[in-house]
Amino acid sequence: MCYATAGYPDRSKSLELLRGLEDEGADVVEIGVPFSDPIADGPIIQESSQRALAGGMNLDLTLELVSRASLGIPVVLFTYLNPLLAAGDDVLDRAAGAGIDGILVTDLPLGADPERERWLGESELAFIRLVAPTTPVERMEEIARTGSGFVYLISRLGVTGMQRELSAGLDATVRRLRSVTDLPVCVGFGVSSPEQAAAIGKIADGVVVGSALMRAAGESVEAALGLARTLRSALNAGAADG
């Protein structure tokens, strides 16, 4: 699962990147809506968001970008709550019409706003819920029960960004989450290398890579697609070994 900030490095290259990620074997694309206060994101994605905002990108233009890309793989809208609320009550319908299949709201934890959670859960989009590694298993079950599509397991505490090593307890955390839900478990935050992706691929249903791709995209679209290619190869090799 490949994350890309909408409008980064610029609008035309963002479109090229989305289409290229599908060509290089991404199973799902997460499209990030640029936001002025991305509290869950580390410096790389923060910078990509600021550059996209400076180029005029917003949620409506993100939907237009997805529509133009016309991808043949699922697309998940990765957003904070404020841009979603500002876009109007019909935004979920417009998102579905543009080709969005699921939505992940980073700053809407379980129970924070039941009315908005129902709004999201009752739409035609899959409502992806986040689970932190420190979440008690009872709350894991409750979070997963209110979501659909898959569960996004955060690999470690903190914000998005690359890390040298995977968390030592990740395998056990995945097992705890699997014990309380039949939804696929996808792991993200901090995955930065093909080796890490392959390791996660052996214990989870999916792996999300974002900051490493955005750092590469800052160099060139070709660099980001080259990284995506090596990630796909590593996952394929790991699956064959398993």
Protein backbone atom coordinates (compact mmCIF):
# COMPACT_ATOMS: atom_id res chain seq x y z
CA MET A 1 0.00 0.00 0.00
CA CYS A 2 1.65 3.19 -1.21
CA TYR A 3 0.95 6.61 0.28
CA ALA A 4 1.22 9.78 -1.82
CA THR A 5 0.46 13.36 -0.81
CA ALA A 6 -1.94 14.85 -3.34
CA GLY A 7 -0.25 17.60 -5.35
CA TYR A 8 3.33 16.65 -4.46
CA PRO A 9 5.86 17.33 -5.90
CA ASP A 10 3.39 19.28 -8.07
CA ARG A 11 0.02 18.53 -9.64
CA SER A 12 1.22 17.02 -12.91
CA LYS A 13 3.93 14.92 -11.24
CA SER A 14 1.44 13.81 -8.60
CA LEU A 15 -0.79 12.41 -11.33
CA GLU A 16 2.21 10.71 -12.94
CA LEU A 17 3.18 9.24 -9.58
CA LEU A 18 -0.28 7.80 -8.85
CA ARG A 19 -0.47 6.06 -12.21
CA GLY A 20 3.10 4.86 -11.92
CA LEU A 21 2.52 3.35 -8.48
CA GLU A 22 -0.22 1.18 -9.93
CA ASP A 23 2.07 0.14 -12.78
CA GLU A 24 4.81 -0.79 -10.32
CA GLY A 25 2.55 -3.16 -8.41
CA ALA A 26 0.87 -1.23 -5.63
CA ASP A 27 -2.22 -3.09 -4.43
CA VAL A 28 -3.76 0.02 -2.83
CA VAL A 29 -2.95 3.73 -3.03
CA GLU A 30 -3.44 6.03 -0.05
CA ILE A 31 -3.91 9.59 -1.24
CA GLY A 32 -3.15 12.16 1.44
CA VAL A 33 -5.14 15.40 1.60
CA PRO A 34 -2.69 18.25 2.36
CA PHE A 35 -3.45 19.92 5.68
CA SER A 36 -1.92 22.91 7.43
CA ASP A 37 -1.57 21.16 10.82
CA PRO A 38 -0.70 17.51 10.14
CA ILE A 39 -0.08 16.51 13.77
CA ALA A 40 0.21 12.77 13.06
CA ASP A 41 2.85 13.22 10.38
CA GLY A 42 6.61 13.49 10.58
CA PRO A 43 8.80 16.06 8.81
CA ILE A 44 8.87 14.41 5.38
CA ILE A 45 5.11 14.22 4.93
CA GLN A 46 4.68 17.59 6.63
CA GLU A 47 6.96 19.13 4.04
CA SER A 48 5.15 17.42 1.18
CA SER A 49 1.85 18.69 2.56
CA GLN A 50 3.11 22.26 2.86
CA ARG A 51 4.46 22.24 -0.69
CA ALA A 52 1.18 20.86 -2.00
CA LEU A 53 -0.79 23.51 -0.13
CA ALA A 54 1.49 26.20 -1.52
CA GLY A 55 0.63 24.88 -4.97
CA GLY A 56 -3.07 25.32 -4.27
CA MET A 57 -3.98 21.70 -3.55
CA ASN A 58 -7.05 21.03 -1.38
CA LEU A 59 -9.57 18.26 -0.83
CA ASP A 60 -11.70 19.07 -3.88
CA LEU A 61 -8.63 19.11 -6.11
CA THR A 62 -7.51 15.85 -4.49
CA LEU A 63 -10.76 14.23 -5.61
CA GLU A 64 -10.25 15.70 -9.08
CA LEU A 65 -6.74 14.24 -9.14
CA VAL A 66 -8.01 10.78 -8.23
CA SER A 67 -10.72 11.01 -10.87
CA ARG A 68 -8.17 11.97 -13.52
CA ALA A 69 -5.83 9.16 -12.47
CA SER A 70 -8.63 6.63 -13.03
CA LEU A 71 -6.78 3.88 -11.21
CA GLY A 72 -7.73 0.23 -11.44
CA ILE A 73 -6.75 -0.45 -7.81
CA PRO A 74 -8.48 0.66 -4.59
CA VAL A 75 -7.83 4.21 -3.40
CA VAL A 76 -8.03 5.24 0.26
CA LEU A 77 -8.45 8.92 1.16
CA PHE A 78 -6.08 9.78 4.02
CA THR A 79 -7.25 12.97 5.69
CA TYR A 80 -7.67 14.97 8.86
CA LEU A 81 -11.18 15.78 10.05
CA ASN A 82 -11.20 19.55 9.42
CA PRO A 83 -10.79 19.42 5.61
CA LEU A 84 -13.52 16.79 5.51
CA LEU A 85 -15.97 18.91 7.50
CA ALA A 86 -15.17 22.01 5.48
CA ALA A 87 -15.94 20.18 2.24
CA GLY A 88 -19.67 19.82 2.97
CA ASP A 89 -22.10 17.04 3.85
CA ASP A 90 -21.95 15.52 0.38
CA VAL A 91 -18.18 15.08 0.40
CA LEU A 92 -18.32 11.31 0.94
CA ASP A 93 -20.64 10.86 -2.02
CA ARG A 94 -18.39 13.08 -4.14
CA ALA A 95 -15.37 11.07 -3.02
CA ALA A 96 -17.01 7.81 -4.04
CA GLY A 97 -17.93 9.33 -7.39
CA ALA A 98 -14.31 10.36 -7.94
CA GLY A 99 -13.06 6.81 -7.44
CA ILE A 100 -12.29 6.74 -3.72
CA ASP A 101 -12.96 3.35 -2.13
CA GLY A 102 -12.14 3.98 1.53
CA ILE A 103 -11.43 6.76 4.00
CA LEU A 104 -9.06 7.05 6.94
CA VAL A 105 -9.43 10.03 9.29
CA THR A 106 -6.25 10.35 11.32
CA ASP A 107 -7.59 12.49 14.16
CA LEU A 108 -10.92 10.79 14.85
CA PRO A 109 -10.32 8.19 17.58
CA LEU A 110 -13.10 5.86 18.65
CA GLY A 111 -15.73 7.71 20.70
CA ALA A 112 -14.41 11.21 19.96
CA ASP A 113 -17.39 12.20 17.79
CA PRO A 114 -20.01 9.42 17.57
CA GLU A 115 -22.16 11.38 15.11
CA ARG A 116 -19.29 11.82 12.65
CA GLU A 117 -18.21 8.23 13.15
CA ARG A 118 -21.72 7.05 12.19
CA TRP A 119 -21.67 9.38 9.18
CA LEU A 120 -18.44 7.80 8.00
CA GLY A 121 -19.40 4.25 8.91
CA GLU A 122 -22.73 4.43 7.06
CA SER A 123 -21.28 5.81 3.82
CA GLU A 124 -20.45 3.64 0.84
CA LEU A 125 -16.75 4.12 1.54
CA ALA A 126 -14.84 1.63 3.68
CA PHE A 127 -14.18 3.32 7.04
CA ILE A 128 -10.58 2.48 7.93
CA ARG A 129 -9.80 2.66 11.65
CA LEU A 130 -6.39 3.20 13.24
CA VAL A 131 -5.10 1.05 16.10
CA ALA A 132 -2.08 2.08 18.18
CA PRO A 133 0.40 -0.56 19.42
CA THR A 134 -0.43 0.26 23.04
CA THR A 135 -4.18 -0.29 22.59
CA PRO A 136 -5.68 -2.86 25.00
CA VAL A 137 -7.11 -5.87 23.21
CA GLU A 138 -10.68 -5.08 24.33
CA ARG A 139 -10.48 -1.65 22.72
CA MET A 140 -8.84 -3.16 19.63
CA GLU A 141 -11.96 -5.26 19.22
CA GLU A 142 -14.26 -2.26 19.64
CA ILE A 143 -12.27 -0.16 17.15
CA ALA A 144 -12.22 -2.91 14.55
CA ARG A 145 -15.94 -3.58 14.97
CA THR A 146 -16.77 0.02 13.98
CA GLY A 147 -14.59 -0.07 10.87
CA SER A 148 -14.51 -1.82 7.52
CA GLY A 149 -12.12 -2.59 4.70
CA PHE A 150 -9.07 -3.25 6.85
CA VAL A 151 -7.54 -2.17 10.15
CA TYR A 152 -4.51 0.11 10.02
CA LEU A 153 -2.10 -0.90 12.77
CA ILE A 154 0.42 1.78 13.69
CA SER A 155 3.77 0.02 14.02
CA ARG A 156 5.12 2.30 16.75
CA LEU A 157 4.28 5.32 18.85
CA GLY A 158 4.90 8.81 17.45
CA VAL A 159 4.37 10.39 14.06
CA THR A 160 4.93 9.07 10.57
CA GLY A 161 8.50 8.81 9.39
CA MET A 162 11.23 6.35 8.57
CA GLN A 163 12.87 4.11 11.15
CA ARG A 164 15.91 1.88 11.04
CA GLU A 165 14.36 -1.10 12.80
CA LEU A 166 10.86 -2.46 13.28
CA SER A 167 9.40 -2.49 16.77
CA ALA A 168 10.37 -5.61 18.69
CA GLY A 169 6.80 -6.31 19.78
CA LEU A 170 5.15 -5.83 16.39
CA ASP A 171 4.55 -9.54 15.76
CA ALA A 172 2.77 -9.94 19.10
CA THR A 173 0.70 -6.81 18.49
CA VAL A 174 -0.44 -8.13 15.11
CA ARG A 175 -1.45 -11.42 16.74
CA ARG A 176 -3.49 -9.60 19.41
CA LEU A 177 -5.31 -7.61 16.78
CA ARG A 178 -5.96 -10.67 14.64
CA SER A 179 -7.49 -12.41 17.65
CA VAL A 180 -10.36 -9.90 17.78
CA THR A 181 -11.13 -9.15 14.12
CA ASP A 182 -11.49 -10.88 10.78
CA LEU A 183 -10.61 -7.70 8.91
CA PRO A 184 -7.24 -7.64 7.14
CA VAL A 185 -4.47 -6.07 9.24
CA CYS A 186 -2.21 -3.58 7.49
CA VAL A 187 0.85 -2.11 9.20
CA GLY A 188 2.23 1.37 8.62
CA PHE A 189 4.26 4.25 10.14
CA GLY A 190 8.01 3.97 9.85
CA VAL A 191 8.36 1.36 7.10
CA SER A 192 11.25 2.59 4.99
CA SER A 193 12.98 -0.30 3.25
CA PRO A 194 12.18 -3.37 1.13
CA GLU A 195 13.57 -5.57 3.91
CA GLN A 196 11.20 -4.08 6.47
CA ALA A 197 8.28 -4.40 4.07
CA ALA A 198 9.08 -8.07 3.45
CA ALA A 199 9.32 -8.74 7.19
CA ILE A 200 5.92 -7.16 7.81
CA GLY A 201 4.49 -9.02 4.83
CA LYS A 202 5.20 -12.28 6.65
CA ILE A 203 3.08 -11.34 9.69
CA ALA A 204 0.39 -8.96 8.36
CA ASP A 205 -1.95 -8.72 5.41
CA GLY A 206 -0.54 -5.46 4.13
CA VAL A 207 2.25 -2.95 4.58
CA VAL A 208 1.94 0.82 4.16
CA VAL A 209 4.89 2.89 2.95
CA GLY A 210 4.63 6.67 2.94
CA SER A 211 7.51 8.83 4.14
CA ALA A 212 10.15 6.87 2.22
CA LEU A 213 8.16 7.26 -0.99
CA MET A 214 7.60 10.96 -0.42
CA ARG A 215 11.29 11.51 0.28
CA ALA A 216 12.09 9.77 -2.99
CA ALA A 217 9.37 11.74 -4.82
CA GLY A 218 11.07 14.93 -3.64
CA GLU A 219 14.05 13.82 -5.74
CA SER A 220 12.01 12.65 -8.74
CA VAL A 221 8.96 10.64 -9.67
CA GLU A 222 11.31 8.06 -11.14
CA ALA A 223 13.07 7.64 -7.79
CA ALA A 224 9.75 7.05 -6.01
CA LEU A 225 8.65 4.53 -8.61
CA GLY A 226 11.99 2.78 -8.37
CA LEU A 227 11.48 2.40 -4.62
CA ALA A 228 7.96 1.09 -5.19
CA ARG A 229 9.37 -1.46 -7.61
CA THR A 230 11.88 -2.76 -5.06
CA LEU A 231 9.17 -2.92 -2.38
CA ARG A 232 6.96 -5.00 -4.68
CA SER A 233 9.85 -7.32 -5.50
CA ALA A 234 10.73 -7.79 -1.84
CA LEU A 235 7.14 -8.62 -0.91
CA ASN A 236 6.85 -11.05 -3.80
CA ALA A 237 10.09 -12.75 -2.81
CA GLY A 238 9.00 -12.94 0.82
CA ALA A 239 5.68 -14.49 -0.16
CA ALA A 240 7.46 -17.07 -2.29
CA ASP A 241 9.79 -17.96 0.58
CA GLY A 242 6.84 -18.26 2.96
